[in-house]
Amino acid sequence: MTSTLPRDLTGHKFGRLTVRKASKRRDSQGNILWLCDCSCGGIKYASRVHLRRKQVVSCGCAAREQQALNFSHHRETQEQLKAVLEENHELRQEIQSIRSKGGFGDQERQKLLDQIHDLESELGWHQVTL
């Protein structure tokens, strides 16, 4: 398989990296490691193969940014789960209160079923009957 890249990669862009020059460093297979400048200001040494295959596209800043986004999404999910658990706890307390007063009347049963159904719909769960 032949590559369309010239031997000298100086000045070529790969993702956020711009190749500055060939370094004296070599990878484990003896390939030249190219010194690259990242758009964030960092530097990265990468082989021609890794650059060509887009296995290296930044100094690591892209991965850190993605990790921060994933963490942010994870935090949102945790906050949503916490709200659902708090709502579930309130429902349990209400059920216990009604049971302690002698049981469920038709109005109490329907009110709780409506609340539970709303919660289940929000979570994508199936309907529960009391």
N, C-alpha and C. Protein backbone atom coordinates (compact mmCIF):
# COMPACT_ATOMS: atom_id res chain seq x y z
N MET A 1 0.86 -1.18 0.00
CA MET A 1 0.00 0.00 0.00
C MET A 1 0.89 1.24 0.00
N THR A 2 0.70 2.11 -0.94
CA THR A 2 1.53 3.30 -1.03
C THR A 2 0.80 4.48 -0.42
N SER A 3 1.57 5.38 0.16
CA SER A 3 1.02 6.57 0.80
C SER A 3 1.13 7.75 -0.14
N THR A 4 0.14 8.65 -0.04
CA THR A 4 0.19 9.86 -0.85
C THR A 4 0.92 10.99 -0.14
N LEU A 5 1.33 10.76 1.11
CA LEU A 5 2.05 11.79 1.85
C LEU A 5 3.50 11.86 1.39
N PRO A 6 4.04 13.06 1.26
CA PRO A 6 5.46 13.18 0.92
C PRO A 6 6.30 12.72 2.10
N ARG A 7 7.55 12.45 1.85
CA ARG A 7 8.45 12.02 2.93
C ARG A 7 8.60 13.10 3.99
N ASP A 8 8.69 14.35 3.56
CA ASP A 8 8.83 15.46 4.50
C ASP A 8 7.43 15.96 4.87
N LEU A 9 7.05 15.77 6.12
CA LEU A 9 5.72 16.17 6.60
C LEU A 9 5.69 17.60 7.14
N THR A 10 6.82 18.28 7.13
CA THR A 10 6.91 19.63 7.69
C THR A 10 5.82 20.52 7.09
N GLY A 11 5.07 21.17 7.99
CA GLY A 11 4.02 22.10 7.58
C GLY A 11 2.66 21.46 7.36
N HIS A 12 2.59 20.13 7.29
CA HIS A 12 1.30 19.46 7.09
C HIS A 12 0.48 19.48 8.38
N LYS A 13 -0.84 19.56 8.24
CA LYS A 13 -1.76 19.56 9.38
C LYS A 13 -2.45 18.21 9.48
N PHE A 14 -2.57 17.73 10.72
CA PHE A 14 -3.28 16.50 11.02
C PHE A 14 -4.14 16.80 12.25
N GLY A 15 -5.42 17.02 12.04
CA GLY A 15 -6.29 17.40 13.16
C GLY A 15 -5.85 18.74 13.71
N ARG A 16 -5.51 18.77 14.99
CA ARG A 16 -5.05 20.00 15.64
C ARG A 16 -3.53 20.16 15.56
N LEU A 17 -2.86 19.19 14.98
CA LEU A 17 -1.40 19.19 14.94
C LEU A 17 -0.87 19.73 13.62
N THR A 18 0.18 20.52 13.71
CA THR A 18 0.94 20.97 12.55
C THR A 18 2.36 20.47 12.73
N VAL A 19 2.85 19.74 11.75
CA VAL A 19 4.19 19.14 11.85
C VAL A 19 5.23 20.25 11.73
N ARG A 20 6.11 20.32 12.76
CA ARG A 20 7.18 21.31 12.76
C ARG A 20 8.43 20.77 12.07
N LYS A 21 8.87 19.56 12.49
CA LYS A 21 10.09 18.99 11.90
C LYS A 21 10.24 17.53 12.32
N ALA A 22 11.12 16.84 11.62
CA ALA A 22 11.48 15.48 12.02
C ALA A 22 12.42 15.58 13.21
N SER A 23 12.19 14.74 14.19
CA SER A 23 13.07 14.76 15.36
C SER A 23 14.09 13.63 15.25
N LYS A 24 14.98 13.58 16.21
CA LYS A 24 15.96 12.49 16.24
C LYS A 24 15.38 11.27 16.96
N ARG A 25 14.20 11.42 17.52
CA ARG A 25 13.57 10.31 18.24
C ARG A 25 13.00 9.29 17.26
N ARG A 26 12.91 8.05 17.73
CA ARG A 26 12.34 6.96 16.95
C ARG A 26 11.34 6.19 17.82
N ASP A 27 10.34 5.59 17.17
CA ASP A 27 9.42 4.74 17.92
C ASP A 27 10.01 3.34 18.06
N SER A 28 9.27 2.42 18.62
CA SER A 28 9.81 1.07 18.87
C SER A 28 10.11 0.30 17.59
N GLN A 29 9.50 0.70 16.46
CA GLN A 29 9.80 0.06 15.17
C GLN A 29 10.89 0.79 14.40
N GLY A 30 11.45 1.83 14.98
CA GLY A 30 12.51 2.57 14.33
C GLY A 30 12.03 3.69 13.43
N ASN A 31 10.73 3.97 13.43
CA ASN A 31 10.19 5.05 12.60
C ASN A 31 10.47 6.42 13.21
N ILE A 32 10.66 7.40 12.36
CA ILE A 32 10.90 8.78 12.79
C ILE A 32 9.68 9.29 13.55
N LEU A 33 9.94 9.98 14.66
CA LEU A 33 8.86 10.68 15.36
C LEU A 33 8.95 12.14 14.97
N TRP A 34 7.83 12.67 14.50
CA TRP A 34 7.76 14.06 14.05
C TRP A 34 7.33 14.95 15.19
N LEU A 35 8.01 16.09 15.34
CA LEU A 35 7.65 17.07 16.35
C LEU A 35 6.51 17.91 15.78
N CYS A 36 5.39 17.94 16.51
CA CYS A 36 4.20 18.65 16.04
C CYS A 36 3.77 19.70 17.06
N ASP A 37 3.28 20.81 16.55
CA ASP A 37 2.70 21.85 17.39
C ASP A 37 1.19 21.69 17.38
N CYS A 38 0.60 21.74 18.55
CA CYS A 38 -0.85 21.61 18.67
C CYS A 38 -1.49 23.00 18.67
N SER A 39 -2.70 23.09 18.20
CA SER A 39 -3.38 24.39 18.15
C SER A 39 -3.61 24.98 19.54
N CYS A 40 -3.55 24.15 20.59
CA CYS A 40 -3.74 24.65 21.95
C CYS A 40 -2.45 25.22 22.52
N GLY A 41 -1.32 25.01 21.81
CA GLY A 41 -0.03 25.49 22.29
C GLY A 41 0.88 24.38 22.77
N GLY A 42 0.37 23.17 22.88
CA GLY A 42 1.16 22.03 23.32
C GLY A 42 1.99 21.46 22.17
N ILE A 43 2.82 20.48 22.51
CA ILE A 43 3.60 19.79 21.48
C ILE A 43 3.36 18.29 21.61
N LYS A 44 3.62 17.57 20.52
CA LYS A 44 3.42 16.13 20.49
C LYS A 44 4.40 15.52 19.51
N TYR A 45 5.01 14.39 19.89
CA TYR A 45 5.82 13.61 18.98
C TYR A 45 4.94 12.49 18.46
N ALA A 46 4.90 12.32 17.15
CA ALA A 46 4.06 11.28 16.56
C ALA A 46 4.72 10.71 15.31
N SER A 47 4.46 9.45 15.06
CA SER A 47 5.01 8.80 13.86
C SER A 47 4.14 9.16 12.65
N ARG A 48 4.72 9.02 11.50
CA ARG A 48 4.03 9.26 10.23
C ARG A 48 2.78 8.38 10.14
N VAL A 49 2.92 7.12 10.54
CA VAL A 49 1.80 6.17 10.47
C VAL A 49 0.64 6.64 11.35
N HIS A 50 0.94 7.03 12.57
CA HIS A 50 -0.12 7.49 13.48
C HIS A 50 -0.77 8.76 12.99
N LEU A 51 0.01 9.66 12.41
CA LEU A 51 -0.57 10.88 11.85
C LEU A 51 -1.46 10.57 10.66
N ARG A 52 -0.96 9.73 9.76
CA ARG A 52 -1.70 9.40 8.54
C ARG A 52 -3.01 8.68 8.87
N ARG A 53 -2.98 7.79 9.85
CA ARG A 53 -4.18 7.02 10.22
C ARG A 53 -5.11 7.78 11.17
N LYS A 54 -4.73 9.01 11.49
CA LYS A 54 -5.50 9.86 12.41
C LYS A 54 -5.64 9.23 13.80
N GLN A 55 -4.62 8.46 14.18
CA GLN A 55 -4.59 7.89 15.52
C GLN A 55 -4.09 8.92 16.53
N VAL A 56 -3.40 9.94 16.02
CA VAL A 56 -2.95 11.05 16.84
C VAL A 56 -3.42 12.33 16.15
N VAL A 57 -4.26 13.11 16.83
CA VAL A 57 -4.80 14.33 16.22
C VAL A 57 -4.58 15.57 17.09
N SER A 58 -4.04 15.36 18.29
CA SER A 58 -3.76 16.50 19.17
C SER A 58 -2.68 16.09 20.17
N CYS A 59 -2.29 17.02 21.01
CA CYS A 59 -1.28 16.73 22.03
C CYS A 59 -1.88 15.98 23.21
N GLY A 60 -3.17 15.75 23.17
CA GLY A 60 -3.90 15.14 24.28
C GLY A 60 -5.02 16.04 24.74
N CYS A 61 -5.02 17.27 24.24
CA CYS A 61 -6.04 18.23 24.67
C CYS A 61 -7.43 17.81 24.20
N ALA A 62 -7.55 17.20 23.03
CA ALA A 62 -8.86 16.76 22.53
C ALA A 62 -9.45 15.70 23.45
N ALA A 63 -8.62 14.76 23.90
CA ALA A 63 -9.08 13.72 24.81
C ALA A 63 -9.50 14.31 26.15
N ARG A 64 -8.72 15.29 26.64
CA ARG A 64 -9.07 15.93 27.91
C ARG A 64 -10.38 16.70 27.79
N GLU A 65 -10.59 17.37 26.66
CA GLU A 65 -11.85 18.09 26.45
C GLU A 65 -13.02 17.11 26.41
N GLN A 66 -12.86 15.98 25.71
CA GLN A 66 -13.92 14.98 25.64
C GLN A 66 -14.20 14.40 27.02
N GLN A 67 -13.16 14.18 27.79
CA GLN A 67 -13.32 13.65 29.14
C GLN A 67 -14.11 14.63 30.00
N ALA A 68 -13.82 15.92 29.86
CA ALA A 68 -14.55 16.94 30.62
C ALA A 68 -16.02 16.96 30.21
N LEU A 69 -16.30 16.82 28.91
CA LEU A 69 -17.68 16.76 28.44
C LEU A 69 -18.39 15.53 29.00
N ASN A 70 -17.71 14.39 28.99
CA ASN A 70 -18.30 13.17 29.52
C ASN A 70 -18.60 13.32 31.00
N PHE A 71 -17.67 13.94 31.75
CA PHE A 71 -17.87 14.14 33.18
C PHE A 71 -19.06 15.07 33.41
N SER A 72 -19.16 16.12 32.61
CA SER A 72 -20.27 17.06 32.73
C SER A 72 -21.59 16.34 32.50
N HIS A 73 -21.65 15.49 31.46
CA HIS A 73 -22.87 14.73 31.18
C HIS A 73 -23.16 13.78 32.33
N HIS A 74 -22.11 13.15 32.87
CA HIS A 74 -22.27 12.21 33.98
C HIS A 74 -22.83 12.94 35.20
N ARG A 75 -22.34 14.15 35.45
CA ARG A 75 -22.83 14.93 36.59
C ARG A 75 -24.31 15.28 36.41
N GLU A 76 -24.72 15.65 35.17
CA GLU A 76 -26.13 15.92 34.89
C GLU A 76 -26.98 14.69 35.17
N THR A 77 -26.51 13.54 34.73
CA THR A 77 -27.25 12.30 34.94
C THR A 77 -27.37 11.99 36.42
N GLN A 78 -26.29 12.22 37.18
CA GLN A 78 -26.34 11.99 38.62
C GLN A 78 -27.36 12.91 39.28
N GLU A 79 -27.42 14.17 38.85
CA GLU A 79 -28.37 15.12 39.42
C GLU A 79 -29.80 14.70 39.10
N GLN A 80 -30.04 14.22 37.88
CA GLN A 80 -31.37 13.76 37.50
C GLN A 80 -31.76 12.54 38.34
N LEU A 81 -30.83 11.61 38.51
CA LEU A 81 -31.10 10.42 39.31
C LEU A 81 -31.41 10.80 40.76
N LYS A 82 -30.65 11.73 41.29
CA LYS A 82 -30.88 12.18 42.66
C LYS A 82 -32.28 12.76 42.81
N ALA A 83 -32.71 13.56 41.83
CA ALA A 83 -34.06 14.15 41.87
C ALA A 83 -35.13 13.06 41.83
N VAL A 84 -34.92 12.05 40.98
CA VAL A 84 -35.88 10.95 40.88
C VAL A 84 -35.94 10.17 42.19
N LEU A 85 -34.77 9.92 42.78
CA LEU A 85 -34.75 9.18 44.05
C LEU A 85 -35.43 9.98 45.16
N GLU A 86 -35.23 11.29 45.18
CA GLU A 86 -35.90 12.12 46.18
C GLU A 86 -37.41 12.09 45.97
N GLU A 87 -37.84 12.15 44.71
CA GLU A 87 -39.27 12.10 44.41
C GLU A 87 -39.83 10.73 44.82
N ASN A 88 -39.09 9.67 44.56
CA ASN A 88 -39.49 8.32 44.93
C ASN A 88 -39.61 8.22 46.46
N HIS A 89 -38.67 8.82 47.17
CA HIS A 89 -38.70 8.81 48.63
C HIS A 89 -39.96 9.52 49.15
N GLU A 90 -40.31 10.65 48.53
CA GLU A 90 -41.52 11.37 48.92
C GLU A 90 -42.76 10.51 48.69
N LEU A 91 -42.80 9.78 47.58
CA LEU A 91 -43.93 8.89 47.32
C LEU A 91 -44.02 7.79 48.38
N ARG A 92 -42.88 7.22 48.73
CA ARG A 92 -42.88 6.17 49.76
C ARG A 92 -43.40 6.70 51.09
N GLN A 93 -42.97 7.91 51.45
CA GLN A 93 -43.43 8.50 52.70
C GLN A 93 -44.94 8.74 52.66
N GLU A 94 -45.44 9.18 51.51
CA GLU A 94 -46.88 9.42 51.37
C GLU A 94 -47.66 8.12 51.47
N ILE A 95 -47.16 7.06 50.86
CA ILE A 95 -47.81 5.75 50.94
C ILE A 95 -47.84 5.26 52.38
N GLN A 96 -46.70 5.40 53.09
CA GLN A 96 -46.65 4.97 54.48
C GLN A 96 -47.62 5.78 55.35
N SER A 97 -47.73 7.06 55.06
CA SER A 97 -48.64 7.91 55.81
C SER A 97 -50.08 7.47 55.60
N ILE A 98 -50.44 7.17 54.36
CA ILE A 98 -51.81 6.74 54.06
C ILE A 98 -52.09 5.38 54.71
N ARG A 99 -51.12 4.48 54.64
CA ARG A 99 -51.29 3.16 55.26
C ARG A 99 -51.46 3.29 56.77
N SER A 100 -50.72 4.21 57.37
CA SER A 100 -50.82 4.38 58.83
C SER A 100 -52.17 4.96 59.24
N LYS A 101 -52.87 5.61 58.31
CA LYS A 101 -54.18 6.19 58.59
C LYS A 101 -55.31 5.20 58.30
N GLY A 102 -54.94 3.97 57.95
CA GLY A 102 -55.98 2.97 57.78
C GLY A 102 -56.13 2.48 56.35
N GLY A 103 -55.30 2.89 55.45
CA GLY A 103 -55.37 2.33 54.12
C GLY A 103 -55.67 3.34 53.05
N PHE A 104 -55.87 2.81 51.87
CA PHE A 104 -56.09 3.64 50.69
C PHE A 104 -57.56 3.77 50.39
N GLY A 105 -58.00 4.98 50.23
CA GLY A 105 -59.32 5.23 49.67
C GLY A 105 -59.16 5.38 48.16
N ASP A 106 -60.24 5.46 47.45
CA ASP A 106 -60.17 5.57 45.98
C ASP A 106 -59.42 6.82 45.54
N GLN A 107 -59.67 7.96 46.24
CA GLN A 107 -59.01 9.21 45.85
C GLN A 107 -57.49 9.13 46.10
N GLU A 108 -57.11 8.61 47.26
CA GLU A 108 -55.69 8.50 47.59
C GLU A 108 -54.99 7.56 46.61
N ARG A 109 -55.66 6.43 46.31
CA ARG A 109 -55.09 5.45 45.39
C ARG A 109 -54.88 6.08 44.02
N GLN A 110 -55.86 6.81 43.52
CA GLN A 110 -55.74 7.41 42.19
C GLN A 110 -54.67 8.50 42.16
N LYS A 111 -54.60 9.28 43.24
CA LYS A 111 -53.58 10.33 43.32
C LYS A 111 -52.18 9.72 43.27
N LEU A 112 -51.95 8.66 44.04
CA LEU A 112 -50.65 8.02 44.04
C LEU A 112 -50.36 7.35 42.71
N LEU A 113 -51.34 6.69 42.13
CA LEU A 113 -51.14 6.07 40.82
C LEU A 113 -50.75 7.11 39.77
N ASP A 114 -51.40 8.27 39.83
CA ASP A 114 -51.06 9.34 38.88
C ASP A 114 -49.63 9.82 39.09
N GLN A 115 -49.22 9.99 40.34
CA GLN A 115 -47.85 10.43 40.63
C GLN A 115 -46.83 9.38 40.19
N ILE A 116 -47.14 8.12 40.50
CA ILE A 116 -46.24 7.04 40.12
C ILE A 116 -46.17 6.93 38.60
N HIS A 117 -47.31 7.04 37.93
CA HIS A 117 -47.33 6.96 36.47
C HIS A 117 -46.50 8.09 35.85
N ASP A 118 -46.62 9.30 36.40
CA ASP A 118 -45.81 10.43 35.90
C ASP A 118 -44.33 10.15 36.07
N LEU A 119 -43.95 9.62 37.23
CA LEU A 119 -42.55 9.30 37.50
C LEU A 119 -42.06 8.21 36.56
N GLU A 120 -42.88 7.17 36.38
CA GLU A 120 -42.48 6.08 35.49
C GLU A 120 -42.36 6.56 34.05
N SER A 121 -43.27 7.40 33.62
CA SER A 121 -43.21 7.94 32.25
C SER A 121 -41.93 8.72 32.05
N GLU A 122 -41.56 9.49 33.05
CA GLU A 122 -40.33 10.27 32.99
C GLU A 122 -39.11 9.36 32.87
N LEU A 123 -39.16 8.21 33.53
CA LEU A 123 -38.04 7.27 33.52
C LEU A 123 -38.13 6.26 32.38
N GLY A 124 -39.28 6.18 31.72
CA GLY A 124 -39.46 5.20 30.66
C GLY A 124 -39.75 3.81 31.21
N TRP A 125 -40.30 3.73 32.42
CA TRP A 125 -40.62 2.44 33.05
C TRP A 125 -42.06 2.05 32.73
N HIS A 126 -42.43 0.80 33.04
CA HIS A 126 -43.80 0.33 32.86
C HIS A 126 -44.68 0.78 34.03
N GLN A 127 -45.97 0.70 33.85
CA GLN A 127 -46.91 1.19 34.87
C GLN A 127 -47.04 0.19 36.01
N VAL A 128 -47.14 0.71 37.23
CA VAL A 128 -47.30 -0.11 38.43
C VAL A 128 -48.73 0.05 38.91
N THR A 129 -49.31 -1.04 39.43
CA THR A 129 -50.65 -0.96 40.02
C THR A 129 -50.55 -1.18 41.51
N LEU A 130 -51.43 -0.55 42.24
CA LEU A 130 -51.45 -0.72 43.71
C LEU A 130 -52.62 -1.60 44.11
